[in-house]
Amino acid sequence: MTGLKELYQYRNLFSELVRKGIKLKYRRSYLGVVWSMIEPLLTMLVLTLVFGTLLGHHEKTFPVYILSGRLIYSLFSQSTTTALKSIRQNEGLIKKVHVPKVLYPASAVVFNYILFVISLVVLAGVSLVLGVYPTVRILFVIIPLAVLFVMSIGVGLVLSTLGTFFRDLEYLWNVALMLVMYASAIFYYPDVILDSGVSWILKYNPLFCVISNFRSCIFGQTMDMWMLGYSAIFAVVSVVIGYVIFDKNENKFILHL
């Protein structure tokens, strides 16, 4: 609750940090925010051509399956990575102005969510073109997205704290994200590994649980309640642990900048 009060108290600065993040992301870019729609579309085309051919997935809706998973993974990847760098990237401001430092990783997650919402236009367009029409279950899509938001905040707080003390964490996190991507069934169907001895990787991967329920909403299917409960618990626990770690160490950040 203290963290939420701080965000509200400094809401004007928080909104400025969000705007600054969006501007810096597309600085010196001719396409600007439009790239948020073009990039996932191009990625979907490449992954569909490569993995659709290799794995024999020629279903008409396979591109929607890939795009929906890729968007959620990219959101988690970019928001946590940006949060990890947020303290160091705002070094000058931190040394000059005394404000709650939780604003920096939180704003990093929020501005990535804003860009994600823009990219959903591409998902909606591709879905309609390929015959995946919205049903009433599309209204529940807010649930996995809310779980992912809390999870990104929690993981982002942990990473921003550790990343301030250990600069190499950025490179280690990039490797970890690659492993997470392959363990999230983005470009293959889960039944490919269900009969293998590593199927537990999907079951206990909270990001896959979010992706699976997000896809269920898109394709008009019922969400998996076990996956929803597991990912929600993971998200809440991560944000509590993340805030405790961040709060206990934020006064030491200035010594490592």
C-alpha atoms as a PDB file:
ATOM      1  CA  MET A   1       0.000   0.000   0.000  1.00  0.00           C
ATOM      2  CA  THR A   2       2.909   2.338   0.681  1.00  0.00           C
ATOM      3  CA  GLY A   3       4.123   1.881  -2.874  1.00  0.00           C
ATOM      4  CA  LEU A   4       0.674   2.663  -4.287  1.00  0.00           C
ATOM      5  CA  LYS A   5       0.434   5.803  -2.145  1.00  0.00           C
ATOM      6  CA  GLU A   6       3.819   6.938  -3.425  1.00  0.00           C
ATOM      7  CA  LEU A   7       2.739   6.383  -7.026  1.00  0.00           C
ATOM      8  CA  TYR A   8      -0.404   8.432  -6.419  1.00  0.00           C
ATOM      9  CA  GLN A   9       1.439  11.200  -4.578  1.00  0.00           C
ATOM     10  CA  TYR A  10       3.961  11.560  -7.413  1.00  0.00           C
ATOM     11  CA  ARG A  11       1.493  10.762 -10.211  1.00  0.00           C
ATOM     12  CA  ASN A  12       2.507  13.804 -12.283  1.00  0.00           C
ATOM     13  CA  LEU A  13       6.151  12.767 -12.265  1.00  0.00           C
ATOM     14  CA  PHE A  14       5.104   9.189 -12.926  1.00  0.00           C
ATOM     15  CA  SER A  15       3.155  10.203 -16.036  1.00  0.00           C
ATOM     16  CA  GLU A  16       6.139  12.226 -17.240  1.00  0.00           C
ATOM     17  CA  LEU A  17       8.392   9.189 -16.824  1.00  0.00           C
ATOM     18  CA  VAL A  18       5.933   7.110 -18.848  1.00  0.00           C
ATOM     19  CA  ARG A  19       5.890   9.681 -21.657  1.00  0.00           C
ATOM     20  CA  LYS A  20       9.663   9.951 -21.525  1.00  0.00           C
ATOM     21  CA  GLY A  21       9.991   6.172 -21.871  1.00  0.00           C
ATOM     22  CA  ILE A  22       7.803   6.107 -24.976  1.00  0.00           C
ATOM     23  CA  LYS A  23       9.712   8.994 -26.557  1.00  0.00           C
ATOM     24  CA  LEU A  24      13.130   7.477 -25.854  1.00  0.00           C
ATOM     25  CA  LYS A  25      12.108   4.086 -27.195  1.00  0.00           C
ATOM     26  CA  TYR A  26      11.413   5.518 -30.630  1.00  0.00           C
ATOM     27  CA  ARG A  27      13.931   8.352 -30.621  1.00  0.00           C
ATOM     28  CA  ARG A  28      15.477   8.849 -34.076  1.00  0.00           C
ATOM     29  CA  SER A  29      12.997   6.374 -35.535  1.00  0.00           C
ATOM     30  CA  TYR A  30      11.130   7.393 -38.686  1.00  0.00           C
ATOM     31  CA  LEU A  31       8.208   5.052 -38.004  1.00  0.00           C
ATOM     32  CA  GLY A  32       7.910   5.865 -34.308  1.00  0.00           C
ATOM     33  CA  VAL A  33       4.995   4.233 -32.496  1.00  0.00           C
ATOM     34  CA  VAL A  34       3.842   2.674 -35.782  1.00  0.00           C
ATOM     35  CA  TRP A  35       6.734   0.246 -35.364  1.00  0.00           C
ATOM     36  CA  SER A  36       4.810  -1.258 -32.429  1.00  0.00           C
ATOM     37  CA  MET A  37       2.365  -2.587 -35.023  1.00  0.00           C
ATOM     38  CA  ILE A  38       4.785  -3.426 -37.820  1.00  0.00           C
ATOM     39  CA  GLU A  39       7.344  -5.359 -35.724  1.00  0.00           C
ATOM     40  CA  PRO A  40       4.950  -8.040 -34.352  1.00  0.00           C
ATOM     41  CA  LEU A  41       3.421  -8.467 -37.805  1.00  0.00           C
ATOM     42  CA  LEU A  42       6.803  -9.087 -39.422  1.00  0.00           C
ATOM     43  CA  THR A  43       7.832 -11.419 -36.600  1.00  0.00           C
ATOM     44  CA  MET A  44       4.594 -13.367 -37.017  1.00  0.00           C
ATOM     45  CA  LEU A  45       5.217 -13.794 -40.747  1.00  0.00           C
ATOM     46  CA  VAL A  46       8.758 -15.075 -40.200  1.00  0.00           C
ATOM     47  CA  LEU A  47       7.808 -17.486 -37.406  1.00  0.00           C
ATOM     48  CA  THR A  48       4.813 -18.758 -39.362  1.00  0.00           C
ATOM     49  CA  LEU A  49       6.914 -19.451 -42.452  1.00  0.00           C
ATOM     50  CA  VAL A  50       9.729 -21.127 -40.506  1.00  0.00           C
ATOM     51  CA  PHE A  51       7.908 -23.132 -37.849  1.00  0.00           C
ATOM     52  CA  GLY A  52       4.754 -23.686 -39.856  1.00  0.00           C
ATOM     53  CA  THR A  53       6.917 -25.444 -42.434  1.00  0.00           C
ATOM     54  CA  LEU A  54       9.228 -27.289 -40.024  1.00  0.00           C
ATOM     55  CA  LEU A  55       6.493 -28.522 -37.700  1.00  0.00           C
ATOM     56  CA  GLY A  56       3.875 -29.055 -40.377  1.00  0.00           C
ATOM     57  CA  HIS A  57       1.368 -26.562 -38.960  1.00  0.00           C
ATOM     58  CA  HIS A  58      -0.633 -25.427 -41.969  1.00  0.00           C
ATOM     59  CA  GLU A  59      -3.790 -24.433 -40.109  1.00  0.00           C
ATOM     60  CA  LYS A  60      -5.298 -21.161 -41.222  1.00  0.00           C
ATOM     61  CA  THR A  61      -5.329 -19.834 -37.658  1.00  0.00           C
ATOM     62  CA  PHE A  62      -1.707 -20.765 -36.841  1.00  0.00           C
ATOM     63  CA  PRO A  63      -0.464 -17.167 -37.415  1.00  0.00           C
ATOM     64  CA  VAL A  64      -2.982 -15.940 -34.800  1.00  0.00           C
ATOM     65  CA  TYR A  65      -1.688 -18.585 -32.386  1.00  0.00           C
ATOM     66  CA  ILE A  66       1.898 -17.402 -32.922  1.00  0.00           C
ATOM     67  CA  LEU A  67       1.105 -13.687 -32.803  1.00  0.00           C
ATOM     68  CA  SER A  68      -0.908 -13.909 -29.577  1.00  0.00           C
ATOM     69  CA  GLY A  69       1.898 -15.790 -27.819  1.00  0.00           C
ATOM     70  CA  ARG A  70       4.608 -13.581 -29.226  1.00  0.00           C
ATOM     71  CA  LEU A  71       2.869 -10.378 -28.108  1.00  0.00           C
ATOM     72  CA  ILE A  72       2.533 -11.564 -24.513  1.00  0.00           C
ATOM     73  CA  TYR A  73       6.130 -12.796 -24.393  1.00  0.00           C
ATOM     74  CA  SER A  74       7.435  -9.546 -25.899  1.00  0.00           C
ATOM     75  CA  LEU A  75       5.474  -7.530 -23.358  1.00  0.00           C
ATOM     76  CA  PHE A  76       6.950  -9.477 -20.447  1.00  0.00           C
ATOM     77  CA  SER A  77      10.436  -9.444 -21.962  1.00  0.00           C
ATOM     78  CA  GLN A  78      10.537  -5.735 -22.791  1.00  0.00           C
ATOM     79  CA  SER A  79       8.871  -4.512 -19.604  1.00  0.00           C
ATOM     80  CA  THR A  80      11.133  -6.520 -17.278  1.00  0.00           C
ATOM     81  CA  THR A  81      14.274  -5.689 -19.251  1.00  0.00           C
ATOM     82  CA  THR A  82      13.419  -1.986 -19.239  1.00  0.00           C
ATOM     83  CA  ALA A  83      12.668  -2.151 -15.515  1.00  0.00           C
ATOM     84  CA  LEU A  84      16.030  -3.836 -14.928  1.00  0.00           C
ATOM     85  CA  LYS A  85      17.818  -0.860 -16.542  1.00  0.00           C
ATOM     86  CA  SER A  86      15.537   1.822 -15.124  1.00  0.00           C
ATOM     87  CA  ILE A  87      17.591   2.806 -12.071  1.00  0.00           C
ATOM     88  CA  ARG A  88      20.855   3.147 -13.975  1.00  0.00           C
ATOM     89  CA  GLN A  89      19.219   4.932 -16.899  1.00  0.00           C
ATOM     90  CA  ASN A  90      17.764   7.548 -14.532  1.00  0.00           C
ATOM     91  CA  GLU A  91      21.025   7.973 -12.652  1.00  0.00           C
ATOM     92  CA  GLY A  92      21.183  11.731 -13.270  1.00  0.00           C
ATOM     93  CA  LEU A  93      17.660  12.335 -12.007  1.00  0.00           C
ATOM     94  CA  ILE A  94      18.128  10.100  -8.967  1.00  0.00           C
ATOM     95  CA  LYS A  95      21.233  12.052  -7.914  1.00  0.00           C
ATOM     96  CA  LYS A  96      19.432  15.401  -8.218  1.00  0.00           C
ATOM     97  CA  VAL A  97      15.873  14.775  -7.052  1.00  0.00           C
ATOM     98  CA  HIS A  98      14.717  12.787  -4.047  1.00  0.00           C
ATOM     99  CA  VAL A  99      11.578  10.887  -5.054  1.00  0.00           C
ATOM    100  CA  PRO A 100      10.468   7.299  -4.438  1.00  0.00           C
ATOM    101  CA  LYS A 101      12.680   5.216  -6.700  1.00  0.00           C
ATOM    102  CA  VAL A 102       9.901   2.689  -7.254  1.00  0.00           C
ATOM    103  CA  LEU A 103       8.559   5.182  -9.823  1.00  0.00           C
ATOM    104  CA  TYR A 104      11.282   4.225 -12.288  1.00  0.00           C
ATOM    105  CA  PRO A 105      10.722   0.453 -12.699  1.00  0.00           C
ATOM    106  CA  ALA A 106       6.943   0.912 -12.394  1.00  0.00           C
ATOM    107  CA  SER A 107       6.876   3.508 -15.185  1.00  0.00           C
ATOM    108  CA  ALA A 108       9.026   1.196 -17.334  1.00  0.00           C
ATOM    109  CA  VAL A 109       6.371  -1.513 -17.107  1.00  0.00           C
ATOM    110  CA  VAL A 110       3.474   0.900 -17.701  1.00  0.00           C
ATOM    111  CA  PHE A 111       4.833   2.488 -20.868  1.00  0.00           C
ATOM    112  CA  ASN A 112       5.510  -0.943 -22.350  1.00  0.00           C
ATOM    113  CA  TYR A 113       1.894  -1.853 -21.614  1.00  0.00           C
ATOM    114  CA  ILE A 114       0.718   1.244 -23.486  1.00  0.00           C
ATOM    115  CA  LEU A 115       2.727   0.190 -26.530  1.00  0.00           C
ATOM    116  CA  PHE A 116       1.337  -3.333 -26.158  1.00  0.00           C
ATOM    117  CA  VAL A 117      -2.228  -2.018 -26.346  1.00  0.00           C
ATOM    118  CA  ILE A 118      -1.347  -0.339 -29.642  1.00  0.00           C
ATOM    119  CA  SER A 119       0.034  -3.620 -31.003  1.00  0.00           C
ATOM    120  CA  LEU A 120      -3.277  -5.341 -30.185  1.00  0.00           C
ATOM    121  CA  VAL A 121      -4.673  -3.568 -33.256  1.00  0.00           C
ATOM    122  CA  VAL A 122      -2.506  -5.882 -35.366  1.00  0.00           C
ATOM    123  CA  LEU A 123      -3.747  -8.964 -33.500  1.00  0.00           C
ATOM    124  CA  ALA A 124      -7.356  -7.898 -34.009  1.00  0.00           C
ATOM    125  CA  GLY A 125      -6.799  -7.285 -37.715  1.00  0.00           C
ATOM    126  CA  VAL A 126      -4.982 -10.586 -38.318  1.00  0.00           C
ATOM    127  CA  SER A 127      -7.635 -12.498 -36.351  1.00  0.00           C
ATOM    128  CA  LEU A 128     -10.481 -11.084 -38.411  1.00  0.00           C
ATOM    129  CA  VAL A 129      -8.689 -11.721 -41.703  1.00  0.00           C
ATOM    130  CA  LEU A 130      -7.969 -15.349 -40.769  1.00  0.00           C
ATOM    131  CA  GLY A 131     -11.455 -16.070 -39.466  1.00  0.00           C
ATOM    132  CA  VAL A 132     -10.896 -15.899 -35.708  1.00  0.00           C
ATOM    133  CA  TYR A 133     -13.883 -13.812 -34.702  1.00  0.00           C
ATOM    134  CA  PRO A 134     -14.395 -12.420 -31.179  1.00  0.00           C
ATOM    135  CA  THR A 135     -16.881 -14.059 -28.836  1.00  0.00           C
ATOM    136  CA  VAL A 136     -18.173 -12.988 -25.447  1.00  0.00           C
ATOM    137  CA  ARG A 137     -15.116 -14.645 -23.888  1.00  0.00           C
ATOM    138  CA  ILE A 138     -12.928 -11.916 -25.374  1.00  0.00           C
ATOM    139  CA  LEU A 139     -14.138  -9.749 -22.482  1.00  0.00           C
ATOM    140  CA  PHE A 140     -12.178 -11.946 -20.062  1.00  0.00           C
ATOM    141  CA  VAL A 141      -8.884 -11.122 -21.778  1.00  0.00           C
ATOM    142  CA  ILE A 142      -8.349  -8.410 -19.176  1.00  0.00           C
ATOM    143  CA  ILE A 143      -7.787 -11.106 -16.532  1.00  0.00           C
ATOM    144  CA  PRO A 144      -4.588 -12.698 -17.903  1.00  0.00           C
ATOM    145  CA  LEU A 145      -3.354  -9.237 -18.881  1.00  0.00           C
ATOM    146  CA  ALA A 146      -3.871  -8.011 -15.313  1.00  0.00           C
ATOM    147  CA  VAL A 147      -2.021 -11.049 -13.969  1.00  0.00           C
ATOM    148  CA  LEU A 148       0.838 -10.365 -16.367  1.00  0.00           C
ATOM    149  CA  PHE A 149       0.958  -6.713 -15.313  1.00  0.00           C
ATOM    150  CA  VAL A 150       1.354  -7.624 -11.638  1.00  0.00           C
ATOM    151  CA  MET A 151       3.897 -10.309 -12.528  1.00  0.00           C
ATOM    152  CA  SER A 152       5.935  -7.852 -14.627  1.00  0.00           C
ATOM    153  CA  ILE A 153       5.936  -5.316 -11.789  1.00  0.00           C
ATOM    154  CA  GLY A 154       7.125  -7.934  -9.300  1.00  0.00           C
ATOM    155  CA  VAL A 155       9.854  -9.365 -11.501  1.00  0.00           C
ATOM    156  CA  GLY A 156      10.813  -5.854 -12.598  1.00  0.00           C
ATOM    157  CA  LEU A 157      11.312  -4.706  -9.001  1.00  0.00           C
ATOM    158  CA  VAL A 158      13.571  -7.672  -8.251  1.00  0.00           C
ATOM    159  CA  LEU A 159      15.599  -7.159 -11.430  1.00  0.00           C
ATOM    160  CA  SER A 160      15.940  -3.395 -10.996  1.00  0.00           C
ATOM    161  CA  THR A 161      17.274  -3.936  -7.470  1.00  0.00           C
ATOM    162  CA  LEU A 162      19.753  -6.663  -8.365  1.00  0.00           C
ATOM    163  CA  GLY A 163      20.704  -4.958 -11.623  1.00  0.00           C
ATOM    164  CA  THR A 164      21.825  -1.856  -9.740  1.00  0.00           C
ATOM    165  CA  PHE A 165      24.388  -3.889  -7.781  1.00  0.00           C
ATOM    166  CA  PHE A 166      25.316  -6.449 -10.450  1.00  0.00           C
ATOM    167  CA  ARG A 167      25.711  -4.980 -13.911  1.00  0.00           C
ATOM    168  CA  ASP A 168      26.138  -8.365 -15.583  1.00  0.00           C
ATOM    169  CA  LEU A 169      22.577  -9.286 -14.667  1.00  0.00           C
ATOM    170  CA  GLU A 170      21.362  -7.643 -17.865  1.00  0.00           C
ATOM    171  CA  TYR A 171      23.211 -10.218 -19.982  1.00  0.00           C
ATOM    172  CA  LEU A 172      22.141 -13.114 -17.756  1.00  0.00           C
ATOM    173  CA  TRP A 173      18.520 -12.009 -17.974  1.00  0.00           C
ATOM    174  CA  ASN A 174      18.683 -11.985 -21.775  1.00  0.00           C
ATOM    175  CA  VAL A 175      19.769 -15.633 -21.676  1.00  0.00           C
ATOM    176  CA  ALA A 176      17.037 -16.465 -19.159  1.00  0.00           C
ATOM    177  CA  LEU A 177      14.432 -14.812 -21.401  1.00  0.00           C
ATOM    178  CA  MET A 178      15.529 -17.006 -24.286  1.00  0.00           C
ATOM    179  CA  LEU A 179      14.905 -20.086 -22.157  1.00  0.00           C
ATOM    180  CA  VAL A 180      11.536 -18.703 -21.075  1.00  0.00           C
ATOM    181  CA  MET A 181      10.581 -18.119 -24.705  1.00  0.00           C
ATOM    182  CA  TYR A 182      11.250 -21.728 -25.701  1.00  0.00           C
ATOM    183  CA  ALA A 183       9.380 -22.931 -22.609  1.00  0.00           C
ATOM    184  CA  SER A 184       6.271 -20.870 -23.385  1.00  0.00           C
ATOM    185  CA  ALA A 185       4.952 -22.710 -26.494  1.00  0.00           C
ATOM    186  CA  ILE A 186       4.978 -19.573 -28.620  1.00  0.00           C
ATOM    187  CA  PHE A 187       5.588 -21.211 -31.992  1.00  0.00           C
ATOM    188  CA  TYR A 188       4.567 -24.803 -31.268  1.00  0.00           C
ATOM    189  CA  TYR A 189       1.512 -26.491 -29.789  1.00  0.00           C
ATOM    190  CA  PRO A 190       1.811 -27.746 -26.170  1.00  0.00           C
ATOM    191  CA  ASP A 191       0.797 -31.287 -27.152  1.00  0.00           C
ATOM    192  CA  VAL A 192       4.164 -31.625 -28.901  1.00  0.00           C
ATOM    193  CA  ILE A 193       5.849 -32.192 -25.527  1.00  0.00           C
ATOM    194  CA  LEU A 194       2.927 -33.379 -23.383  1.00  0.00           C
ATOM    195  CA  ASP A 195       3.996 -37.009 -23.727  1.00  0.00           C
ATOM    196  CA  SER A 196       7.636 -36.253 -22.987  1.00  0.00           C
ATOM    197  CA  GLY A 197       9.325 -36.087 -19.617  1.00  0.00           C
ATOM    198  CA  VAL A 198       9.626 -32.303 -19.717  1.00  0.00           C
ATOM    199  CA  SER A 199       5.936 -31.398 -19.945  1.00  0.00           C
ATOM    200  CA  TRP A 200       6.170 -30.012 -16.381  1.00  0.00           C
ATOM    201  CA  ILE A 201       8.170 -27.094 -17.801  1.00  0.00           C
ATOM    202  CA  LEU A 202       5.026 -25.738 -19.426  1.00  0.00           C
ATOM    203  CA  LYS A 203       2.760 -26.538 -16.502  1.00  0.00           C
ATOM    204  CA  TYR A 204       4.890 -24.652 -13.985  1.00  0.00           C
ATOM    205  CA  ASN A 205       5.900 -21.785 -16.252  1.00  0.00           C
ATOM    206  CA  PRO A 206       3.700 -18.871 -15.105  1.00  0.00           C
ATOM    207  CA  LEU A 207       4.250 -16.993 -18.360  1.00  0.00           C
ATOM    208  CA  PHE A 208       2.975 -19.957 -20.377  1.00  0.00           C
ATOM    209  CA  CYS A 209      -0.081 -20.069 -18.122  1.00  0.00           C
ATOM    210  CA  VAL A 210      -0.797 -16.416 -18.933  1.00  0.00           C
ATOM    211  CA  ILE A 211      -0.201 -16.976 -22.662  1.00  0.00           C
ATOM    212  CA  SER A 212      -2.465 -20.035 -22.688  1.00  0.00           C
ATOM    213  CA  ASN A 213      -5.354 -18.207 -21.023  1.00  0.00           C
ATOM    214  CA  PHE A 214      -4.839 -15.168 -23.255  1.00  0.00           C
ATOM    215  CA  ARG A 215      -5.097 -17.417 -26.306  1.00  0.00           C
ATOM    216  CA  SER A 216      -8.202 -19.073 -24.890  1.00  0.00           C
ATOM    217  CA  CYS A 217      -9.917 -15.680 -24.732  1.00  0.00           C
ATOM    218  CA  ILE A 218      -8.852 -14.849 -28.281  1.00  0.00           C
ATOM    219  CA  PHE A 219     -10.087 -18.169 -29.697  1.00  0.00           C
ATOM    220  CA  GLY A 220     -13.324 -18.107 -27.712  1.00  0.00           C
ATOM    221  CA  GLN A 221     -12.413 -20.928 -25.348  1.00  0.00           C
ATOM    222  CA  THR A 222     -12.727 -21.297 -21.584  1.00  0.00           C
ATOM    223  CA  MET A 223      -9.718 -20.296 -19.514  1.00  0.00           C
ATOM    224  CA  ASP A 224      -7.873 -22.944 -17.520  1.00  0.00           C
ATOM    225  CA  MET A 225      -8.656 -22.184 -13.873  1.00  0.00           C
ATOM    226  CA  TRP A 226      -5.597 -24.037 -12.556  1.00  0.00           C
ATOM    227  CA  MET A 227      -3.316 -22.004 -14.792  1.00  0.00           C
ATOM    228  CA  LEU A 228      -5.107 -18.800 -13.832  1.00  0.00           C
ATOM    229  CA  GLY A 229      -4.805 -19.527 -10.113  1.00  0.00           C
ATOM    230  CA  TYR A 230      -1.164 -20.582 -10.348  1.00  0.00           C
ATOM    231  CA  SER A 231      -0.084 -17.573 -12.409  1.00  0.00           C
ATOM    232  CA  ALA A 232      -2.068 -15.188 -10.189  1.00  0.00           C
ATOM    233  CA  ILE A 233      -0.465 -16.553  -7.017  1.00  0.00           C
ATOM    234  CA  PHE A 234       2.977 -16.330  -8.622  1.00  0.00           C
ATOM    235  CA  ALA A 235       2.278 -12.725  -9.655  1.00  0.00           C
ATOM    236  CA  VAL A 236       1.129 -11.629  -6.200  1.00  0.00           C
ATOM    237  CA  VAL A 237       4.024 -13.368  -4.438  1.00  0.00           C
ATOM    238  CA  SER A 238       6.535 -11.877  -6.885  1.00  0.00           C
ATOM    239  CA  VAL A 239       5.260  -8.322  -6.410  1.00  0.00           C
ATOM    240  CA  VAL A 240       5.326  -8.652  -2.609  1.00  0.00           C
ATOM    241  CA  ILE A 241       8.857 -10.087  -2.611  1.00  0.00           C
ATOM    242  CA  GLY A 242       9.942  -7.571  -5.237  1.00  0.00           C
ATOM    243  CA  TYR A 243       8.703  -4.582  -3.273  1.00  0.00           C
ATOM    244  CA  VAL A 244      10.241  -5.798  -0.001  1.00  0.00           C
ATOM    245  CA  ILE A 245      13.627  -6.310  -1.682  1.00  0.00           C
ATOM    246  CA  PHE A 246      13.413  -2.980  -3.481  1.00  0.00           C
ATOM    247  CA  ASP A 247      12.308  -1.044  -0.386  1.00  0.00           C
ATOM    248  CA  LYS A 248      15.133  -2.429   1.756  1.00  0.00           C
ATOM    249  CA  ASN A 249      17.824  -1.596  -0.785  1.00  0.00           C
ATOM    250  CA  GLU A 250      16.732   1.601  -2.544  1.00  0.00           C
ATOM    251  CA  ASN A 251      18.746   3.844  -0.193  1.00  0.00           C
ATOM    252  CA  LYS A 252      21.902   1.972  -1.254  1.00  0.00           C
ATOM    253  CA  PHE A 253      21.374   2.596  -4.963  1.00  0.00           C
ATOM    254  CA  ILE A 254      23.095   5.967  -4.910  1.00  0.00           C
ATOM    255  CA  LEU A 255      26.323   4.282  -3.778  1.00  0.00           C
ATOM    256  CA  HIS A 256      26.424   2.085  -6.880  1.00  0.00           C
ATOM    257  CA  LEU A 257      25.529   4.627  -9.556  1.00  0.00           C
END
